[in-house]
Amino acid sequence: MKHIAIMVFMSLWFFACSSGGENVVPVTTSPPPVAATLALPANGTVCLEGQSVSQTWADVSFSWGVAKDTDYYDLVVTNLLNFTSSTKTVNGDKTTMTLNKGVPYSWQIISKSNKVKETAASAVWKFYLAGDGTSTYAPFPATAINPTSGSSISAIGGKVNLTWLGSDPDSKTLSYEIFIDTDVAKVTNRSVTSIKSTTASLTVNVNAASTYYWCIKTSDGTQSSYSMVYGFRTN
């Protein structure tokens, strides 16, 4: 009986300690990084000189505000003539990149953290890196606003409204031509008949349950530029 009493006592003691005495470690979640605020080159800068390293190349300085909860940044610079991008990982809030002269660029900062997978993207700014002897510049390639690339959209009455953002470094009046088709090759090669517009929006006829591709030609009356090819699907 003595042994049974001791076993019952020990069992009750273990149950009491194990059920109420555990230390629960709270789960903490690190906050995602915050989007950086861009500083230089300023948006829409035309005659950005950079530090010339050759007749065709120059070092361009980039800077931005330190973003909260961010361990490092990706600087993404895109050549707006061929839409190729270069990415540079930076620990601080400034860096340089060697770029081709006489070319329009866009740039963006992606904030990243070592603690979470989420990232934060800054605004996208554009600038022209000056070329030797260049006095006038073609318009910046337009950027699609709606539909966004890869989106699905409902065609109302068999029509879809396209909207975009165009800008000119020389502040000239702009006109546009839209190339749109279900054949991406025709749009890429601009072999489809374009639709002209004097404003940054256009309503086009479409078929339901189809994928369309479109790009925008922007003209200032003297020089022109072409956007990248965007795609969307109709419901």
Protein backbone atom coordinates (compact mmCIF):
# COMPACT_ATOMS: atom_id res chain seq x y z
CA MET A 1 0.00 0.00 0.00
CA LYS A 2 2.90 2.32 0.80
CA HIS A 3 4.31 1.85 -2.71
CA ILE A 4 0.90 2.44 -4.27
CA ALA A 5 0.46 5.68 -2.32
CA ILE A 6 3.85 6.92 -3.42
CA MET A 7 3.08 6.13 -7.07
CA VAL A 8 -0.26 7.94 -6.89
CA PHE A 9 1.42 10.96 -5.29
CA MET A 10 4.15 11.07 -7.93
CA SER A 11 1.58 10.75 -10.72
CA LEU A 12 -0.46 13.64 -9.33
CA TRP A 13 2.68 15.75 -8.91
CA PHE A 14 3.83 15.06 -12.49
CA PHE A 15 0.38 15.83 -13.87
CA ALA A 16 0.22 19.11 -11.98
CA CYS A 17 3.67 20.20 -13.15
CA SER A 18 3.25 19.12 -16.75
CA SER A 19 -0.22 20.59 -17.22
CA GLY A 20 0.36 23.97 -15.74
CA GLY A 21 4.07 24.55 -15.57
CA GLU A 22 5.14 24.62 -19.23
CA ASN A 23 6.75 27.81 -20.52
CA VAL A 24 5.11 28.74 -23.82
CA VAL A 25 7.46 30.64 -26.12
CA PRO A 26 5.48 33.36 -27.94
CA VAL A 27 5.71 33.33 -31.72
CA THR A 28 7.01 36.60 -33.09
CA THR A 29 6.58 37.69 -36.68
CA SER A 30 9.05 40.10 -38.21
CA PRO A 31 7.46 42.99 -40.13
CA PRO A 32 7.89 43.12 -43.90
CA PRO A 33 10.21 45.75 -45.41
CA VAL A 34 8.85 49.16 -46.36
CA ALA A 35 9.08 50.62 -49.87
CA ALA A 36 11.95 53.05 -50.35
CA THR A 37 11.48 56.67 -51.37
CA LEU A 38 13.50 57.51 -54.49
CA ALA A 39 15.79 60.54 -54.55
CA LEU A 40 18.18 60.73 -57.53
CA PRO A 41 18.09 60.70 -60.54
CA ALA A 42 14.90 62.72 -60.28
CA ASN A 43 11.88 61.53 -62.23
CA GLY A 44 11.81 62.93 -65.76
CA THR A 45 15.41 64.16 -65.75
CA VAL A 46 16.45 64.86 -69.35
CA CYS A 47 20.07 65.93 -69.55
CA LEU A 48 21.55 63.65 -66.92
CA GLU A 49 25.29 63.69 -67.60
CA GLY A 50 26.64 61.05 -65.25
CA GLN A 51 30.38 60.50 -64.94
CA SER A 52 31.66 59.78 -68.44
CA VAL A 53 33.88 56.71 -68.69
CA SER A 54 33.98 56.53 -72.51
CA GLN A 55 32.28 57.96 -75.58
CA THR A 56 29.34 55.63 -75.09
CA TRP A 57 29.24 54.84 -71.35
CA ALA A 58 28.80 56.81 -68.13
CA ASP A 59 28.55 56.05 -64.41
CA VAL A 60 25.19 57.13 -63.00
CA SER A 61 24.67 57.76 -59.27
CA PHE A 62 21.47 56.51 -57.62
CA SER A 63 20.21 57.35 -54.13
CA TRP A 64 17.07 56.74 -52.09
CA GLY A 65 15.77 57.02 -48.56
CA VAL A 66 16.53 54.30 -46.01
CA ALA A 67 13.48 52.02 -45.76
CA LYS A 68 12.24 50.66 -42.42
CA ASP A 69 12.67 46.93 -41.67
CA THR A 70 14.94 46.53 -44.69
CA ASP A 71 18.31 44.75 -44.69
CA TYR A 72 19.29 45.32 -48.32
CA TYR A 73 18.00 46.63 -51.64
CA ASP A 74 17.85 45.61 -55.28
CA LEU A 75 18.38 48.48 -57.71
CA VAL A 76 16.59 47.61 -60.96
CA VAL A 77 17.47 49.76 -63.99
CA THR A 78 15.65 49.14 -67.29
CA ASN A 79 16.77 50.25 -70.74
CA LEU A 80 13.56 51.62 -72.26
CA LEU A 81 14.71 51.08 -75.83
CA ASN A 82 15.07 47.30 -75.59
CA PHE A 83 13.44 46.71 -72.17
CA THR A 84 16.37 44.79 -70.74
CA SER A 85 16.93 45.19 -67.01
CA SER A 86 20.05 45.19 -64.85
CA THR A 87 19.85 44.48 -61.11
CA LYS A 88 22.39 45.40 -58.46
CA THR A 89 22.12 44.38 -54.79
CA VAL A 90 23.09 47.14 -52.36
CA ASN A 91 23.37 47.25 -48.56
CA GLY A 92 23.19 51.04 -48.27
CA ASP A 93 21.06 53.81 -49.73
CA LYS A 94 23.23 54.79 -52.69
CA THR A 95 25.26 53.24 -55.47
CA THR A 96 26.40 53.74 -59.07
CA MET A 97 25.78 51.81 -62.26
CA THR A 98 27.51 52.09 -65.63
CA LEU A 99 24.98 52.76 -68.38
CA ASN A 100 24.93 53.44 -72.10
CA LYS A 101 24.65 57.13 -73.06
CA GLY A 102 21.78 58.59 -75.07
CA VAL A 103 19.25 56.08 -73.75
CA PRO A 104 16.04 56.49 -71.71
CA TYR A 105 15.92 54.45 -68.51
CA SER A 106 13.56 53.63 -65.69
CA TRP A 107 14.70 52.72 -62.20
CA GLN A 108 13.18 51.18 -59.11
CA ILE A 109 14.25 49.98 -55.66
CA ILE A 110 13.08 46.68 -54.19
CA SER A 111 13.38 46.57 -50.38
CA LYS A 112 14.30 43.16 -48.96
CA SER A 113 14.71 41.58 -45.52
CA ASN A 114 16.74 38.67 -44.20
CA LYS A 115 13.86 37.74 -41.88
CA VAL A 116 10.84 37.52 -44.20
CA LYS A 117 10.19 36.65 -47.83
CA GLU A 118 7.99 39.67 -48.48
CA THR A 119 9.50 42.53 -50.47
CA ALA A 120 8.40 46.10 -51.16
CA ALA A 121 8.71 47.93 -54.48
CA SER A 122 9.26 51.66 -54.79
CA ALA A 123 7.76 53.90 -57.44
CA VAL A 124 9.25 53.68 -60.95
CA TRP A 125 11.10 56.79 -62.14
CA LYS A 126 12.42 57.61 -65.61
CA PHE A 127 15.37 59.61 -66.89
CA TYR A 128 17.39 60.21 -70.07
CA LEU A 129 21.14 59.70 -69.85
CA ALA A 130 22.59 62.41 -72.09
CA GLY A 131 24.40 61.39 -75.22
CA ASP A 132 27.24 63.35 -76.81
CA GLY A 133 25.77 66.10 -78.99
CA THR A 134 22.15 65.25 -78.13
CA SER A 135 19.92 68.33 -77.87
CA THR A 136 16.43 66.86 -78.30
CA TYR A 137 14.97 63.61 -77.03
CA ALA A 138 12.29 61.19 -78.14
CA PRO A 139 9.30 60.77 -75.82
CA PHE A 140 9.61 58.35 -72.95
CA PRO A 141 8.05 55.00 -73.90
CA ALA A 142 4.46 54.94 -72.65
CA THR A 143 3.41 52.76 -69.73
CA ALA A 144 0.13 50.80 -69.72
CA ILE A 145 -2.29 51.66 -66.93
CA ASN A 146 -5.29 49.50 -67.84
CA PRO A 147 -5.52 46.65 -68.52
CA THR A 148 -2.35 45.74 -66.65
CA SER A 149 -0.23 43.08 -68.29
CA GLY A 150 -1.40 39.58 -67.50
CA SER A 151 -4.80 40.65 -66.18
CA SER A 152 -8.28 39.45 -67.10
CA ILE A 153 -10.88 42.03 -68.00
CA SER A 154 -14.58 41.96 -68.83
CA ALA A 155 -15.46 43.23 -72.29
CA ILE A 156 -18.52 45.46 -72.05
CA GLY A 157 -20.53 45.34 -75.26
CA GLY A 158 -17.56 43.76 -77.00
CA LYS A 159 -15.30 46.71 -76.14
CA VAL A 160 -12.37 47.37 -73.81
CA ASN A 161 -10.93 50.73 -72.81
CA LEU A 162 -7.14 50.98 -72.99
CA THR A 163 -5.39 53.66 -70.94
CA TRP A 164 -1.72 54.50 -70.63
CA LEU A 165 0.72 57.14 -69.40
CA GLY A 166 2.88 59.06 -71.86
CA SER A 167 5.43 61.80 -71.20
CA ASP A 168 7.93 63.85 -73.18
CA PRO A 169 11.23 65.23 -71.82
CA ASP A 170 10.96 68.24 -74.15
CA SER A 171 7.33 68.95 -73.06
CA LYS A 172 6.02 68.60 -76.61
CA THR A 173 2.46 67.66 -77.54
CA LEU A 174 2.14 63.91 -77.91
CA SER A 175 0.10 61.66 -80.17
CA TYR A 176 -0.21 57.88 -80.06
CA GLU A 177 -0.72 54.80 -82.17
CA ILE A 178 -1.93 51.52 -80.68
CA PHE A 179 -0.95 48.15 -82.13
CA ILE A 180 -3.29 45.43 -80.86
CA ASP A 181 -3.93 41.85 -81.98
CA THR A 182 -4.30 38.28 -80.71
CA ASP A 183 -1.04 37.43 -82.49
CA VAL A 184 1.87 38.60 -80.35
CA ALA A 185 4.29 38.41 -83.31
CA LYS A 186 2.22 40.90 -85.30
CA VAL A 187 2.25 43.33 -82.39
CA THR A 188 5.94 42.83 -81.66
CA ASN A 189 6.82 43.42 -85.31
CA ARG A 190 4.16 46.14 -85.60
CA SER A 191 2.82 44.47 -88.74
CA VAL A 192 -0.80 45.01 -87.69
CA THR A 193 -2.61 48.22 -88.69
CA SER A 194 -2.34 50.74 -85.87
CA ILE A 195 -5.14 52.81 -84.34
CA LYS A 196 -4.36 56.48 -83.83
CA SER A 197 -5.24 58.51 -80.77
CA THR A 198 -4.55 62.07 -79.62
CA THR A 199 -5.28 61.18 -75.98
CA ALA A 200 -3.86 58.57 -73.62
CA SER A 201 -6.91 56.32 -73.87
CA LEU A 202 -8.68 54.36 -76.56
CA THR A 203 -11.71 52.05 -76.76
CA VAL A 204 -11.18 49.00 -78.97
CA ASN A 205 -13.35 46.12 -80.16
CA VAL A 206 -12.48 42.69 -78.74
CA ASN A 207 -13.84 39.16 -78.66
CA ALA A 208 -14.66 37.35 -75.42
CA ALA A 209 -12.41 34.58 -74.04
CA SER A 210 -9.41 35.78 -76.07
CA THR A 211 -5.88 36.89 -75.27
CA TYR A 212 -4.81 40.23 -76.73
CA TYR A 213 -1.41 41.86 -77.02
CA TRP A 214 -0.83 45.59 -77.44
CA CYS A 215 1.89 48.21 -77.53
CA ILE A 216 1.94 51.98 -77.76
CA LYS A 217 3.83 54.21 -80.17
CA THR A 218 4.35 57.70 -78.76
CA SER A 219 5.27 60.58 -81.07
CA ASP A 220 6.15 64.21 -80.39
CA GLY A 221 5.86 65.15 -84.08
CA THR A 222 9.55 64.60 -84.73
CA GLN A 223 10.69 61.55 -82.80
CA SER A 224 8.92 58.43 -81.59
CA SER A 225 9.25 55.68 -79.01
CA TYR A 226 7.58 52.31 -78.49
CA SER A 227 6.36 50.72 -75.29
CA MET A 228 6.93 47.12 -74.34
CA VAL A 229 4.26 44.62 -75.44
CA TYR A 230 1.49 44.11 -72.88
CA GLY A 231 -1.03 41.28 -72.77
CA PHE A 232 -4.49 40.75 -71.26
CA ARG A 233 -7.33 38.24 -71.50
CA THR A 234 -11.02 39.01 -72.04
CA ASN A 235 -13.68 37.21 -70.00
